[in-house]
Amino acid sequence: MTWYHASMYDAGRPAGSFWEDDAPPLESGVDLGPLNGDERCDVAIIGGGYTGLSAAYHLARDHHIDVRVLESGPLGWGASGRNGGFCTLPPSGLSLSGLIGRYGEDETRRFISSQVEAVELVRMLARDEAIDIRPQGDGTLHVAHTPSRFAELEEERDLLGGKFGVPVDLLSREEVAETSYDSTEQFGALVNKVAFGLHPLRFARGLAAAAARHGAKLHGHSHVGQWEKDGGEHRLVTKTGTLRARRVIVATNGFTRAPVGADLSNRLMPVLSNIVVTRPLTDDELVAQGWKTERPCSNTRRLLFYYRLLPDRRFLFGARGDLTGRPEDGAKMRTVMERRLGEVFTAWKDVPTTHYWRGFVCMNARMTPAIGHMPDDKSVFFGLCYHGDGVSAAPWTGKMLAQIIGGTRNLAEIPAPFRGIPPRMPFPSLRRWYLGAALGYYRLQDK
């Protein structure tokens, strides 16, 4: 069941992102095109984003396992090719104190350490496979959007830096204005020196090319419309072919829907996130706003704003919002975002935007990512739910799944916040109402 407009799932439609205009096409022979005829493999991966491509890459390179990827649209069509390009941590909707309260200090430390490792994995993949990810910034900024929210950053510094050893700096409003930028919603910031920005679609396509070079077979435009279990094999049916596999990885994240992950889909909450990008800014416009940084930024709003200056000096501005996914509501959302961009960055209130697009952030009720296998079928694995921070968490998850399937790691070794299937949503048909109530509550908190 889906409860967003059908256009959000139409894999034949480009996302309309700036990234699509700015990324070179896939190398010849990487995407083998739609699955044709009857094929077999050891591991079938449903979903051609960061998780699925990383799993394919590591299964083929490190374990020499016969693996195929089936993606409904072009490779990287989903969130992996349309996100804001923030390579950061942690991938959770819980605060650090919330993670400690639920999982304990030791498991939270393992979780944070694993995600520092995840950011480094992205750097290593880019280096080892010559992927032009266009890295930007010596860290990211988490910005207090009101004076009262600065206390949250102090707690984040004490836990992330003091307890878990992540290199961070806490900057006052004056220090941020002097070194980075100023705005109507800037009251100090925490610098996470591990994180950085990148070009998400260049990364996705580069990872696909690397997986193909190491022997993975990748099929775009191969939507799985039917899934059956036939003895010890899974039978995945697309419009033009059938793939049989002993094991399956579901890596569809916010686009998960029946028949793929039918039981999983009722445990997930896809949330729309929206992005606008301006034309390139002039030197005078940058000076007028006091913008001096390449560090990607997000703020302390519960319905966060996230923003960054791109290499060609376009400005990217993102926010959560919209409960329907209808094209007409998207047009309204673009207007709202353009207005809010001008209210936060007043020197740029008349700067036009050239691109608007949106996609799904995947969340669940426990507010942490999920790695594991289905309770009733240990041949079906999943990796998803990054709560808006999947650029590094998803490739790391793909690597972990490859190691579990390849026999070099077991699920018990994964940090506890990642382990196992998320709980079912009570009355999943009411998810839009849950989300609407949550958005209303968060708007009140953000004032």
Protein backbone atom coordinates (compact mmCIF):
# COMPACT_ATOMS: atom_id res chain seq x y z
CA MET A 1 0.00 0.00 0.00
CA THR A 2 1.21 3.53 -0.78
CA TRP A 3 -0.29 6.73 0.54
CA TYR A 4 1.64 9.31 -1.44
CA HIS A 5 0.63 10.33 -4.95
CA ALA A 6 1.51 7.80 -7.65
CA SER A 7 3.88 10.29 -9.32
CA MET A 8 6.30 9.88 -6.40
CA TYR A 9 6.81 6.23 -7.41
CA ASP A 10 6.96 6.76 -11.19
CA ALA A 11 10.49 5.57 -11.93
CA GLY A 12 10.14 6.72 -15.53
CA ARG A 13 10.18 10.35 -14.40
CA PRO A 14 13.45 12.16 -13.72
CA ALA A 15 13.71 13.66 -10.24
CA GLY A 16 14.27 17.10 -11.76
CA SER A 17 17.28 17.69 -9.54
CA PHE A 18 20.30 19.90 -10.09
CA TRP A 19 22.41 16.77 -9.62
CA GLU A 20 20.89 15.20 -12.75
CA ASP A 21 22.00 18.23 -14.77
CA ASP A 22 25.48 18.23 -13.22
CA ALA A 23 26.48 14.53 -13.22
CA PRO A 24 28.04 12.72 -16.18
CA PRO A 25 26.07 9.71 -17.44
CA LEU A 26 26.88 6.21 -16.30
CA GLU A 27 29.85 4.59 -17.97
CA SER A 28 28.97 2.35 -20.89
CA GLY A 29 28.07 -1.18 -19.84
CA VAL A 30 27.41 -0.40 -16.17
CA ASP A 31 23.62 -0.52 -16.36
CA LEU A 32 22.81 -3.64 -18.36
CA GLY A 33 19.30 -2.38 -18.95
CA PRO A 34 16.08 -4.17 -18.04
CA LEU A 35 16.36 -7.76 -16.93
CA ASN A 36 15.56 -9.94 -19.94
CA GLY A 37 14.60 -13.59 -19.95
CA ASP A 38 15.17 -16.07 -17.15
CA GLU A 39 18.31 -15.55 -15.05
CA ARG A 40 19.79 -16.97 -11.87
CA CYS A 41 22.21 -15.65 -9.26
CA ASP A 42 23.23 -16.33 -5.69
CA VAL A 43 22.13 -12.96 -4.25
CA ALA A 44 19.50 -10.66 -5.77
CA ILE A 45 19.40 -7.08 -4.53
CA ILE A 46 16.22 -5.04 -4.91
CA GLY A 47 17.15 -1.37 -4.97
CA GLY A 48 19.95 0.36 -6.87
CA GLY A 49 20.88 3.09 -4.40
CA TYR A 50 23.80 3.37 -2.01
CA THR A 51 22.82 0.35 0.11
CA GLY A 52 22.19 -2.01 -2.79
CA LEU A 53 25.17 -0.84 -4.85
CA SER A 54 27.55 -1.07 -1.89
CA ALA A 55 26.28 -4.55 -1.04
CA ALA A 56 26.76 -5.59 -4.67
CA TYR A 57 30.24 -4.05 -4.79
CA HIS A 58 31.43 -5.76 -1.60
CA LEU A 59 29.77 -9.11 -2.39
CA ALA A 60 31.41 -9.21 -5.81
CA ARG A 61 34.81 -7.75 -4.86
CA ASP A 62 35.42 -9.29 -1.45
CA HIS A 63 33.40 -12.51 -1.53
CA HIS A 64 33.26 -13.36 -5.27
CA ILE A 65 29.53 -13.98 -5.00
CA ASP A 66 27.29 -13.92 -8.07
CA VAL A 67 25.06 -10.88 -7.46
CA ARG A 68 22.51 -8.91 -9.48
CA VAL A 69 20.80 -5.61 -8.69
CA LEU A 70 17.25 -4.80 -9.80
CA GLU A 71 16.27 -1.12 -9.72
CA SER A 72 12.86 0.26 -10.72
CA GLY A 73 14.32 3.35 -12.38
CA PRO A 74 17.80 4.36 -13.47
CA LEU A 75 20.52 3.36 -11.00
CA GLY A 76 20.60 5.93 -8.19
CA TRP A 77 17.12 7.22 -9.08
CA GLY A 78 15.82 7.22 -5.48
CA ALA A 79 17.08 9.07 -2.42
CA SER A 80 20.71 8.20 -3.22
CA GLY A 81 20.66 10.41 -6.30
CA ARG A 82 18.54 13.27 -5.01
CA ASN A 83 19.57 13.95 -1.39
CA GLY A 84 21.40 17.07 -0.18
CA GLY A 85 24.85 15.47 -0.22
CA PHE A 86 25.56 15.61 3.54
CA CYS A 87 28.05 12.86 4.44
CA THR A 88 27.56 12.96 8.21
CA LEU A 89 26.31 11.17 11.32
CA PRO A 90 24.44 9.78 13.17
CA PRO A 91 21.59 8.25 11.10
CA SER A 92 18.99 8.39 13.87
CA GLY A 93 15.91 10.32 14.88
CA LEU A 94 16.93 9.93 18.52
CA SER A 95 19.15 12.40 20.32
CA LEU A 96 22.45 11.14 21.69
CA SER A 97 20.98 11.09 25.20
CA GLY A 98 17.98 9.20 23.81
CA LEU A 99 20.28 6.60 22.25
CA ILE A 100 22.14 6.19 25.54
CA GLY A 101 18.89 5.89 27.47
CA ARG A 102 17.62 3.12 25.20
CA TYR A 103 20.77 1.20 24.25
CA GLY A 104 23.29 2.12 26.93
CA GLU A 105 26.55 3.98 26.66
CA ASP A 106 28.64 1.12 25.27
CA GLU A 107 26.30 0.29 22.39
CA THR A 108 25.80 3.97 21.61
CA ARG A 109 29.59 4.37 21.47
CA ARG A 110 29.79 1.42 19.05
CA PHE A 111 27.02 3.01 16.97
CA ILE A 112 28.78 6.38 16.76
CA SER A 113 32.16 4.76 16.05
CA SER A 114 30.64 2.69 13.26
CA GLN A 115 29.33 5.84 11.61
CA VAL A 116 32.67 7.64 11.85
CA GLU A 117 33.92 4.53 10.04
CA ALA A 118 31.04 4.93 7.56
CA VAL A 119 32.12 8.46 6.60
CA GLU A 120 35.67 7.20 6.10
CA LEU A 121 34.30 4.35 3.95
CA VAL A 122 32.84 6.93 1.54
CA ARG A 123 36.22 8.67 1.31
CA MET A 124 37.96 5.31 0.72
CA LEU A 125 35.51 4.25 -1.98
CA ALA A 126 35.95 7.58 -3.75
CA ARG A 127 39.73 7.29 -3.54
CA ASP A 128 40.11 3.61 -4.38
CA GLU A 129 37.61 3.61 -7.24
CA ALA A 130 38.42 7.11 -8.59
CA ILE A 131 34.89 8.43 -8.01
CA ASP A 132 34.63 12.19 -8.50
CA ILE A 133 32.35 12.93 -5.54
CA ARG A 134 33.24 16.66 -5.46
CA PRO A 135 34.01 16.75 -1.70
CA GLN A 136 33.38 20.05 0.08
CA GLY A 137 34.04 21.41 3.56
CA ASP A 138 36.24 20.42 6.47
CA GLY A 139 33.25 19.42 8.57
CA THR A 140 29.57 20.31 8.87
CA LEU A 141 27.77 22.93 10.96
CA HIS A 142 24.83 22.16 13.24
CA VAL A 143 23.33 25.59 13.81
CA ALA A 144 21.12 26.84 16.68
CA HIS A 145 18.13 28.50 15.01
CA THR A 146 17.12 30.30 18.24
CA PRO A 147 19.20 31.39 21.27
CA SER A 148 17.52 28.77 23.47
CA ARG A 149 18.64 25.92 21.19
CA PHE A 150 22.32 26.65 21.82
CA ALA A 151 22.03 24.54 24.99
CA GLU A 152 21.29 21.51 22.78
CA LEU A 153 24.55 22.09 20.97
CA GLU A 154 26.41 22.23 24.28
CA GLU A 155 24.98 18.83 25.23
CA GLU A 156 25.82 17.50 21.75
CA ARG A 157 29.41 18.70 22.17
CA ASP A 158 29.71 17.07 25.59
CA LEU A 159 28.40 13.73 24.34
CA LEU A 160 29.61 13.54 20.75
CA GLY A 161 33.01 15.05 21.51
CA GLY A 162 33.62 14.47 25.20
CA LYS A 163 32.12 11.00 25.63
CA PHE A 164 32.42 9.47 22.16
CA GLY A 165 35.59 11.09 20.88
CA VAL A 166 34.28 12.69 17.69
CA PRO A 167 36.30 15.85 16.90
CA VAL A 168 33.93 18.80 17.36
CA ASP A 169 34.10 22.54 18.07
CA LEU A 170 31.39 24.74 19.61
CA LEU A 171 31.24 28.22 18.10
CA SER A 172 29.36 31.28 19.38
CA ARG A 173 27.11 33.30 17.12
CA GLU A 174 29.90 35.84 16.67
CA GLU A 175 32.42 33.13 15.76
CA VAL A 176 30.07 31.60 13.20
CA ALA A 177 29.42 35.03 11.68
CA GLU A 178 33.14 35.71 11.49
CA THR A 179 34.15 32.36 9.98
CA SER A 180 31.11 31.06 8.12
CA TYR A 181 27.93 33.13 7.69
CA ASP A 182 25.18 35.02 9.47
CA SER A 183 21.40 34.95 9.13
CA THR A 184 18.18 35.57 11.01
CA GLU A 185 18.37 32.00 12.36
CA GLN A 186 22.03 31.73 13.40
CA PHE A 187 22.82 31.68 17.13
CA GLY A 188 25.97 29.58 17.27
CA ALA A 189 26.92 26.19 15.84
CA LEU A 190 28.63 22.89 16.52
CA VAL A 191 31.28 21.88 13.98
CA ASN A 192 31.48 18.14 13.30
CA LYS A 193 34.98 17.80 11.81
CA VAL A 194 34.43 14.23 10.58
CA ALA A 195 31.67 15.10 8.11
CA PHE A 196 31.70 16.80 4.70
CA GLY A 197 29.59 17.49 1.62
CA LEU A 198 29.59 15.67 -1.72
CA HIS A 199 27.75 15.33 -5.03
CA PRO A 200 25.29 12.49 -4.30
CA LEU A 201 24.50 11.37 -7.85
CA ARG A 202 28.15 11.35 -8.90
CA PHE A 203 28.78 9.12 -5.89
CA ALA A 204 25.88 6.79 -6.75
CA ARG A 205 26.90 6.44 -10.39
CA GLY A 206 30.55 6.00 -9.47
CA LEU A 207 29.66 3.29 -6.97
CA ALA A 208 27.57 1.55 -9.65
CA ALA A 209 30.49 1.63 -12.07
CA ALA A 210 32.81 0.21 -9.41
CA ALA A 211 30.37 -2.61 -8.59
CA ALA A 212 30.09 -3.50 -12.28
CA ARG A 213 33.89 -3.51 -12.71
CA HIS A 214 34.14 -6.05 -9.90
CA GLY A 215 31.58 -8.37 -11.50
CA ALA A 216 28.15 -7.34 -10.19
CA LYS A 217 25.39 -7.29 -12.80
CA LEU A 218 23.16 -4.20 -12.58
CA HIS A 219 19.73 -3.82 -14.15
CA GLY A 220 17.98 -0.45 -14.18
CA HIS A 221 14.33 -0.09 -15.21
CA SER A 222 13.60 -3.50 -13.69
CA HIS A 223 10.75 -3.04 -11.24
CA VAL A 224 9.92 -6.17 -9.28
CA GLY A 225 6.18 -6.66 -9.71
CA GLN A 226 5.92 -10.17 -8.33
CA TRP A 227 7.89 -12.10 -5.72
CA GLU A 228 7.39 -15.79 -5.00
CA LYS A 229 9.24 -18.43 -3.01
CA ASP A 230 9.72 -21.66 -4.95
CA GLY A 231 11.36 -24.27 -2.77
CA GLY A 232 14.77 -22.95 -1.78
CA GLU A 233 14.73 -20.16 -4.37
CA HIS A 234 13.18 -16.74 -4.61
CA ARG A 235 11.55 -15.85 -7.92
CA LEU A 236 11.53 -12.13 -8.73
CA VAL A 237 9.45 -11.16 -11.74
CA THR A 238 9.81 -7.95 -13.75
CA LYS A 239 8.00 -6.91 -16.94
CA THR A 240 10.67 -8.44 -19.13
CA GLY A 241 12.34 -11.14 -17.10
CA THR A 242 12.56 -13.45 -14.13
CA LEU A 243 15.41 -13.70 -11.64
CA ARG A 244 15.87 -16.68 -9.35
CA ALA A 245 18.14 -16.33 -6.32
CA ARG A 246 18.95 -18.21 -3.13
CA ARG A 247 19.11 -14.99 -1.12
CA VAL A 248 17.57 -11.52 -1.49
CA ILE A 249 18.51 -8.13 -0.05
CA VAL A 250 15.76 -5.50 0.19
CA ALA A 251 17.41 -2.10 -0.16
CA THR A 252 14.47 0.05 -1.24
CA ASN A 253 14.36 2.37 1.80
CA GLY A 254 11.54 4.96 1.59
CA PHE A 255 10.30 3.52 -1.72
CA THR A 256 9.58 0.11 -0.14
CA ARG A 257 6.12 -1.17 -1.04
CA ALA A 258 4.41 -4.47 -1.80
CA PRO A 259 5.21 -6.93 -3.25
CA VAL A 260 8.80 -6.00 -2.31
CA GLY A 261 9.13 -6.15 1.45
CA ALA A 262 5.39 -6.41 2.00
CA ASP A 263 5.88 -6.96 5.72
CA LEU A 264 8.64 -4.34 5.88
CA SER A 265 6.55 -1.61 4.28
CA ASN A 266 4.13 -1.56 7.22
CA ARG A 267 7.05 -0.84 9.54
CA LEU A 268 8.35 2.22 7.68
CA MET A 269 7.41 5.88 7.57
CA PRO A 270 8.47 7.58 4.32
CA VAL A 271 8.67 11.36 4.83
CA LEU A 272 8.95 13.89 2.02
CA SER A 273 12.00 16.13 1.94
CA ASN A 274 12.22 19.03 -0.52
CA ILE A 275 15.13 20.94 -2.05
CA VAL A 276 15.46 24.17 -4.02
CA VAL A 277 18.67 25.37 -5.67
CA THR A 278 19.37 28.95 -6.75
CA ARG A 279 21.26 30.27 -9.71
CA PRO A 280 24.98 30.86 -9.00
CA LEU A 281 25.48 33.68 -6.51
CA THR A 282 27.73 36.63 -7.28
CA ASP A 283 30.65 37.82 -5.15
CA ASP A 284 28.58 40.78 -3.97
CA GLU A 285 25.67 38.56 -2.98
CA LEU A 286 27.94 36.28 -0.95
CA VAL A 287 29.46 39.29 0.81
CA ALA A 288 26.01 40.76 1.51
CA GLN A 289 25.03 37.63 3.46
CA GLY A 290 28.50 37.19 4.98
CA TRP A 291 28.83 33.71 3.47
CA LYS A 292 32.40 32.39 3.72
CA THR A 293 32.15 28.61 4.15
CA GLU A 294 31.92 25.41 2.12
CA ARG A 295 30.74 23.46 5.16
CA PRO A 296 27.25 21.99 4.73
CA CYS A 297 24.85 23.25 7.42
CA SER A 298 21.71 22.02 9.15
CA ASN A 299 19.85 23.68 11.97
CA THR A 300 18.16 22.65 15.20
CA ARG A 301 14.61 22.83 13.89
CA ARG A 302 12.69 19.59 14.37
CA LEU A 303 11.52 20.14 10.78
CA LEU A 304 15.09 20.97 9.95
CA PHE A 305 16.42 23.30 7.31
CA TYR A 306 19.60 22.07 5.64
CA TYR A 307 21.66 24.18 3.28
CA ARG A 308 25.03 24.49 1.59
CA LEU A 309 26.90 26.47 -1.04
CA LEU A 310 27.69 24.26 -4.03
CA PRO A 311 30.99 24.35 -5.95
CA ASP A 312 29.58 26.63 -8.65
CA ARG A 313 28.18 28.94 -5.92
CA ARG A 314 24.57 27.89 -6.28
CA PHE A 315 22.81 27.71 -2.92
CA LEU A 316 20.97 24.54 -1.92
CA PHE A 317 18.16 24.85 0.65
CA GLY A 318 16.17 21.87 1.92
CA ALA A 319 13.30 21.20 4.32
CA ARG A 320 10.76 18.55 5.30
CA GLY A 321 7.13 19.00 4.36
CA ASP A 322 4.01 17.97 2.32
CA LEU A 323 1.80 15.03 3.18
CA THR A 324 0.49 14.08 -0.26
CA GLY A 325 3.23 14.08 -2.91
CA ARG A 326 0.77 15.56 -5.42
CA PRO A 327 2.40 17.75 -8.10
CA GLU A 328 0.21 20.73 -7.19
CA ASP A 329 1.24 20.46 -3.53
CA GLY A 330 4.86 20.26 -4.62
CA ALA A 331 4.43 23.56 -6.45
CA LYS A 332 3.05 25.11 -3.26
CA MET A 333 5.94 23.68 -1.28
CA ARG A 334 8.44 25.25 -3.66
CA THR A 335 6.83 28.65 -3.13
CA VAL A 336 6.97 28.21 0.65
CA MET A 337 10.62 27.22 0.53
CA GLU A 338 11.59 30.14 -1.68
CA ARG A 339 9.89 32.47 0.78
CA ARG A 340 11.57 30.87 3.79
CA LEU A 341 14.98 30.97 2.12
CA GLY A 342 14.55 34.72 1.72
CA GLU A 343 13.42 35.13 5.33
CA VAL A 344 16.42 33.26 6.73
CA PHE A 345 18.96 34.67 4.26
CA THR A 346 17.54 38.14 3.71
CA ALA A 347 20.24 39.29 1.28
CA TRP A 348 19.08 36.58 -1.12
CA LYS A 349 15.31 37.07 -0.94
CA ASP A 350 15.14 38.07 -4.61
CA VAL A 351 17.56 35.44 -5.94
CA PRO A 352 15.61 33.05 -8.21
CA THR A 353 15.73 29.28 -7.88
CA THR A 354 16.44 27.12 -10.91
CA HIS A 355 15.61 23.66 -9.55
CA TYR A 356 13.11 22.08 -7.18
CA TRP A 357 12.81 18.39 -6.37
CA ARG A 358 11.84 16.05 -3.56
CA GLY A 359 12.14 12.49 -2.36
CA PHE A 360 11.65 10.23 0.63
CA VAL A 361 13.48 10.16 3.93
CA CYS A 362 12.81 6.77 5.53
CA MET A 363 11.96 6.57 9.23
CA ASN A 364 10.47 4.03 11.61
CA ALA A 365 8.90 3.92 15.05
CA ARG A 366 12.10 3.08 16.91
CA MET A 367 13.93 5.99 15.19
CA THR A 368 17.09 4.05 14.28
CA PRO A 369 18.30 2.27 11.11
CA ALA A 370 17.60 -1.39 10.46
CA ILE A 371 19.91 -4.22 9.36
CA GLY A 372 18.90 -7.86 9.55
CA HIS A 373 16.94 -10.69 8.01
CA MET A 374 13.21 -11.35 8.04
CA PRO A 375 12.14 -13.29 11.15
CA ASP A 376 10.28 -15.90 9.09
CA ASP A 377 12.86 -16.22 6.28
CA LYS A 378 16.56 -15.94 7.00
CA SER A 379 17.33 -15.85 3.28
CA VAL A 380 15.76 -12.37 2.99
CA PHE A 381 17.92 -9.51 4.29
CA PHE A 382 17.23 -5.80 4.59
CA GLY A 383 19.12 -2.56 5.17
CA LEU A 384 17.22 0.72 5.38
CA CYS A 385 15.78 3.57 7.50
CA TYR A 386 18.55 6.17 7.79
CA HIS A 387 16.36 9.02 9.06
CA GLY A 388 17.77 11.56 6.61
CA ASP A 389 21.47 10.72 7.08
CA GLY A 390 22.10 7.83 4.71
CA VAL A 391 24.91 9.14 2.51
CA SER A 392 27.49 7.35 4.64
CA ALA A 393 25.25 5.01 6.66
CA ALA A 394 23.80 3.32 3.56
CA PRO A 395 27.12 2.30 1.92
CA TRP A 396 28.30 1.09 5.34
CA THR A 397 25.08 -0.92 5.70
CA GLY A 398 25.62 -2.46 2.28
CA LYS A 399 29.13 -3.51 3.31
CA MET A 400 27.81 -5.03 6.56
CA LEU A 401 25.17 -7.02 4.66
CA ALA A 402 27.84 -8.30 2.27
CA GLN A 403 29.98 -9.42 5.20
CA ILE A 404 27.04 -11.15 6.92
CA ILE A 405 26.09 -12.99 3.72
CA GLY A 406 29.75 -13.70 2.95
CA GLY A 407 30.22 -15.24 6.39
CA THR A 408 32.87 -12.84 7.75
CA ARG A 409 30.55 -11.09 10.19
CA ASN A 410 27.41 -12.05 12.09
CA LEU A 411 24.42 -9.90 12.94
CA ALA A 412 25.26 -9.86 16.65
CA GLU A 413 28.40 -7.86 15.85
CA ILE A 414 26.35 -4.97 14.41
CA PRO A 415 25.76 -2.12 16.92
CA ALA A 416 22.43 -2.61 18.72
CA PRO A 417 20.67 0.50 17.29
CA PHE A 418 20.96 -1.09 13.81
CA ARG A 419 19.99 -4.65 14.65
CA GLY A 420 16.78 -6.32 13.65
CA ILE A 421 13.48 -5.52 12.05
CA PRO A 422 11.65 -2.33 13.16
CA PRO A 423 8.32 -2.69 14.97
CA ARG A 424 5.12 -2.62 12.96
CA MET A 425 3.29 0.67 12.79
CA PRO A 426 -0.04 0.38 14.64
CA PHE A 427 -2.81 0.74 12.05
CA PRO A 428 -0.38 1.52 9.19
CA SER A 429 -3.21 2.97 7.05
CA LEU A 430 -3.26 5.88 9.52
CA ARG A 431 0.39 6.81 8.93
CA ARG A 432 -0.54 10.05 7.16
CA TRP A 433 -2.47 11.13 10.24
CA TYR A 434 0.43 10.22 12.52
CA LEU A 435 2.78 12.20 10.33
CA GLY A 436 0.43 15.18 10.13
CA ALA A 437 0.15 15.29 13.90
CA ALA A 438 3.93 15.01 14.27
CA LEU A 439 4.55 17.81 11.79
CA GLY A 440 2.11 20.07 13.63
CA TYR A 441 3.78 19.30 16.96
CA TYR A 442 7.25 19.94 15.56
CA ARG A 443 6.17 23.28 14.06
CA LEU A 444 5.10 24.38 17.51
CA GLN A 445 8.43 23.27 18.98
CA ASP A 446 10.37 25.14 16.30
CA LYS A 447 8.94 28.54 17.22
